[in-house]
Amino acid sequence: MKKAATENRDFCGIVLAGGRSRRMGVDKAGLILNGKTFLEIQVRKLQLLGAADIIISGKSSALPGTRSVMDLCPDCGPLGGLFSCFVSARQKCALVLSVDVPLISTATLEDLLAAHFRGDYDATILTGEGGLEPLIAVYNTDTTAILKELTANKKLAMKAYIDRLHYQLYSYNGSPEELLNCNSPEDFAAVRLSWLP
């Protein structure tokens, strides 16, 4: 793994793990892939990337080197999770990672981080064949006021937040399997078939 991209970069990692998992029927954070839970898999990536702090959003976790932040604004979806974590963040930016994209590689996340640190943007958002992936992104944590306003007014779409930011896109051109989103048992079956230990 290249180390230059994240060397001397001060960022925290946030794993969004507070979803209700309605379609899956069980907590997605606890799904097992190759002997590890989805949550463990995502946390390990952030550790390898050198995150100064790793925050688990919306879920109590005892994983070493992490801390949990519960939602200040319950039932506000990902925006509520981001708001709660940004309030608690100690770093100027956060690499945000949804718990349900377990195949995203450390190399891809490293390139995403490097793109953010090269630019002067509020956010760097991964985009692939399926369009924007706002839950695989780097956000500056000084955008908390925007999140506070949106959650207070129950404007909870990620687009409402992104539209208020000066952002750039990071174009992902690798294997589409990396971006598989695991929302249902069928998705989980596809993820297991695509897993390359």
Protein backbone atom coordinates (compact mmCIF):
# COMPACT_ATOMS: atom_id res chain seq x y z
CA MET A 1 0.00 0.00 0.00
CA LYS A 2 1.24 3.49 -0.84
CA LYS A 3 1.80 5.52 2.32
CA ALA A 4 2.49 8.96 0.89
CA ALA A 5 -1.17 9.75 0.34
CA THR A 6 -2.11 9.83 4.01
CA GLU A 7 1.24 10.60 5.61
CA ASN A 8 1.03 13.60 7.96
CA ARG A 9 -2.66 14.02 7.17
CA ASP A 10 -4.88 14.84 10.12
CA PHE A 11 -8.25 13.21 9.60
CA CYS A 12 -10.72 11.10 11.49
CA GLY A 13 -12.66 8.13 10.23
CA ILE A 14 -16.41 7.79 10.62
CA VAL A 15 -18.29 4.54 10.11
CA LEU A 16 -22.01 5.15 9.67
CA ALA A 17 -23.54 2.13 11.39
CA GLY A 18 -26.81 3.40 12.84
CA GLY A 19 -29.23 2.36 10.10
CA ARG A 20 -32.31 0.30 10.91
CA SER A 21 -31.49 -2.48 8.40
CA ARG A 22 -35.17 -2.94 7.53
CA ARG A 23 -34.59 -4.74 4.22
CA MET A 24 -31.78 -6.90 5.60
CA GLY A 25 -33.78 -7.93 8.64
CA VAL A 26 -30.69 -8.05 10.87
CA ASP A 27 -28.10 -5.47 11.92
CA LYS A 28 -25.80 -5.00 8.91
CA ALA A 29 -22.87 -3.99 11.10
CA GLY A 30 -22.83 -7.51 12.56
CA LEU A 31 -22.90 -9.44 9.29
CA ILE A 32 -19.91 -11.77 8.94
CA LEU A 33 -17.60 -11.84 5.94
CA ASN A 34 -14.48 -14.02 6.02
CA GLY A 35 -14.69 -14.28 9.81
CA LYS A 36 -15.01 -10.53 10.48
CA THR A 37 -18.06 -8.37 11.01
CA PHE A 38 -18.77 -5.60 8.52
CA LEU A 39 -17.99 -3.12 11.28
CA GLU A 40 -14.61 -4.72 12.02
CA ILE A 41 -13.78 -4.72 8.30
CA GLN A 42 -14.48 -1.00 7.91
CA VAL A 43 -12.69 -0.03 11.12
CA ARG A 44 -9.60 -1.97 10.05
CA LYS A 45 -9.43 -0.01 6.79
CA LEU A 46 -9.52 3.28 8.70
CA GLN A 47 -6.78 2.04 11.01
CA LEU A 48 -4.58 1.07 8.05
CA LEU A 49 -5.13 4.50 6.52
CA GLY A 50 -3.91 6.17 9.71
CA ALA A 51 -7.09 7.86 10.95
CA ALA A 52 -6.27 9.87 14.07
CA ASP A 53 -9.66 9.03 15.56
CA ILE A 54 -12.27 6.44 14.55
CA ILE A 55 -15.89 7.20 15.36
CA ILE A 56 -18.68 4.64 15.15
CA SER A 57 -21.90 6.50 14.40
CA GLY A 58 -25.17 5.36 15.94
CA LYS A 59 -23.95 2.14 17.50
CA SER A 60 -22.28 1.25 20.78
CA SER A 61 -19.02 -0.53 20.04
CA ALA A 62 -16.17 -1.87 22.13
CA LEU A 63 -13.76 -2.27 19.21
CA PRO A 64 -10.25 -1.18 20.30
CA GLY A 65 -9.19 2.21 18.98
CA THR A 66 -12.73 3.41 18.33
CA ARG A 67 -15.35 5.45 20.12
CA SER A 68 -19.09 5.54 19.68
CA VAL A 69 -21.23 8.61 19.08
CA MET A 70 -24.97 8.23 19.38
CA ASP A 71 -27.35 10.38 17.36
CA LEU A 72 -28.09 13.86 18.72
CA CYS A 73 -30.97 13.95 16.24
CA PRO A 74 -32.71 10.54 16.28
CA ASP A 75 -34.39 9.32 13.11
CA CYS A 76 -32.51 11.81 10.93
CA GLY A 77 -30.72 9.22 8.82
CA PRO A 78 -27.15 9.69 7.58
CA LEU A 79 -27.33 13.48 7.96
CA GLY A 80 -28.12 13.06 11.65
CA GLY A 81 -25.19 10.67 12.00
CA LEU A 82 -22.82 13.07 10.27
CA PHE A 83 -24.01 15.99 12.39
CA SER A 84 -23.50 14.07 15.64
CA CYS A 85 -20.02 12.89 14.61
CA PHE A 86 -18.87 16.27 13.27
CA VAL A 87 -19.86 17.93 16.56
CA SER A 88 -17.60 15.42 18.30
CA ALA A 89 -14.77 15.42 15.72
CA ARG A 90 -11.34 16.76 16.65
CA GLN A 91 -9.92 16.78 13.12
CA LYS A 92 -10.54 19.19 10.26
CA CYS A 93 -11.88 16.49 7.97
CA ALA A 94 -13.46 13.08 8.14
CA LEU A 95 -13.31 10.07 5.86
CA VAL A 96 -16.91 8.85 5.95
CA LEU A 97 -17.65 5.21 5.22
CA SER A 98 -20.97 3.41 5.35
CA VAL A 99 -20.83 0.09 7.16
CA ASP A 100 -22.64 -1.69 4.32
CA VAL A 101 -20.00 -1.35 1.56
CA PRO A 102 -17.52 -3.94 2.89
CA LEU A 103 -15.71 -4.57 -0.40
CA ILE A 104 -14.43 -1.00 -0.87
CA SER A 105 -10.63 -1.29 -0.85
CA THR A 106 -8.14 0.54 1.31
CA ALA A 107 -6.34 1.61 -1.88
CA THR A 108 -9.48 3.29 -3.23
CA LEU A 109 -10.06 5.09 0.06
CA GLU A 110 -6.44 6.20 0.14
CA ASP A 111 -6.76 7.70 -3.34
CA LEU A 112 -9.98 9.44 -2.26
CA LEU A 113 -8.21 10.97 0.74
CA ALA A 114 -5.25 12.06 -1.38
CA ALA A 115 -7.58 13.81 -3.83
CA HIS A 116 -9.19 15.70 -0.95
CA PHE A 117 -5.90 16.85 0.51
CA ARG A 118 -4.68 18.03 -2.89
CA GLY A 119 -7.70 20.28 -3.35
CA ASP A 120 -9.43 23.06 -1.48
CA TYR A 121 -12.96 21.76 -1.16
CA ASP A 122 -15.54 21.18 1.56
CA ALA A 123 -15.89 17.61 0.34
CA THR A 124 -14.53 15.00 -2.04
CA ILE A 125 -17.22 12.51 -3.02
CA LEU A 126 -16.67 9.21 -4.76
CA THR A 127 -18.64 8.69 -7.95
CA GLY A 128 -18.94 5.47 -9.92
CA GLU A 129 -21.12 3.91 -12.58
CA GLY A 130 -24.13 4.22 -10.27
CA GLY A 131 -23.59 7.93 -9.66
CA LEU A 132 -22.62 9.77 -6.49
CA GLU A 133 -21.70 7.76 -3.40
CA PRO A 134 -22.09 10.42 -0.68
CA LEU A 135 -21.44 7.86 2.07
CA ILE A 136 -17.98 7.13 0.64
CA ALA A 137 -16.51 10.60 0.90
CA VAL A 138 -14.26 13.01 2.74
CA TYR A 139 -16.00 15.97 4.36
CA ASN A 140 -14.59 18.97 6.17
CA THR A 141 -15.99 18.92 9.68
CA ASP A 142 -16.46 22.70 9.83
CA THR A 143 -19.66 22.21 7.83
CA THR A 144 -21.51 21.29 11.04
CA ALA A 145 -23.69 24.40 10.95
CA ILE A 146 -25.20 23.32 7.63
CA LEU A 147 -26.01 19.89 9.03
CA LYS A 148 -27.53 21.41 12.16
CA GLU A 149 -29.82 23.61 10.07
CA LEU A 150 -30.89 20.79 7.75
CA THR A 151 -31.62 18.29 10.52
CA ALA A 152 -33.51 20.91 12.55
CA ASN A 153 -35.71 21.58 9.50
CA LYS A 154 -36.02 17.84 8.71
CA LYS A 155 -34.43 18.29 5.29
CA LEU A 156 -32.72 14.93 5.50
CA ALA A 157 -31.68 14.10 1.93
CA MET A 158 -27.92 13.90 1.44
CA LYS A 159 -28.42 16.02 -1.69
CA ALA A 160 -29.67 18.90 0.46
CA TYR A 161 -26.33 18.88 2.27
CA ILE A 162 -24.12 18.32 -0.76
CA ASP A 163 -25.80 21.13 -2.68
CA ARG A 164 -24.63 23.55 0.03
CA LEU A 165 -20.99 22.49 -0.28
CA HIS A 166 -18.10 23.42 -2.52
CA TYR A 167 -17.21 19.86 -3.51
CA GLN A 168 -15.26 17.86 -6.04
CA LEU A 169 -15.88 14.38 -7.40
CA TYR A 170 -13.45 11.50 -7.23
CA SER A 171 -14.14 9.23 -10.21
CA TYR A 172 -13.85 5.57 -9.36
CA ASN A 173 -13.07 3.42 -12.39
CA GLY A 174 -12.26 0.11 -10.74
CA SER A 175 -14.25 -3.06 -10.30
CA PRO A 176 -17.97 -2.35 -9.70
CA GLU A 177 -17.97 -5.08 -7.04
CA GLU A 178 -16.07 -2.74 -4.70
CA LEU A 179 -19.10 -0.48 -4.49
CA LEU A 180 -21.66 -3.22 -3.83
CA ASN A 181 -24.09 -1.90 -1.24
CA CYS A 182 -25.42 -4.56 1.09
CA ASN A 183 -29.04 -3.71 1.91
CA SER A 184 -30.83 -7.04 1.52
CA PRO A 185 -30.13 -10.78 1.86
CA GLU A 186 -29.75 -10.89 -1.93
CA ASP A 187 -27.14 -8.13 -1.77
CA PHE A 188 -25.31 -10.01 0.99
CA ALA A 189 -25.21 -13.13 -1.19
CA ALA A 190 -23.68 -11.07 -4.03
CA VAL A 191 -21.10 -9.56 -1.66
CA ARG A 192 -20.06 -13.01 -0.44
CA LEU A 193 -19.65 -14.23 -4.01
CA SER A 194 -17.48 -11.19 -4.84
CA TRP A 195 -15.31 -11.35 -1.72
CA LEU A 196 -11.62 -11.82 -2.47
CA PRO A 197 -9.79 -12.58 0.80
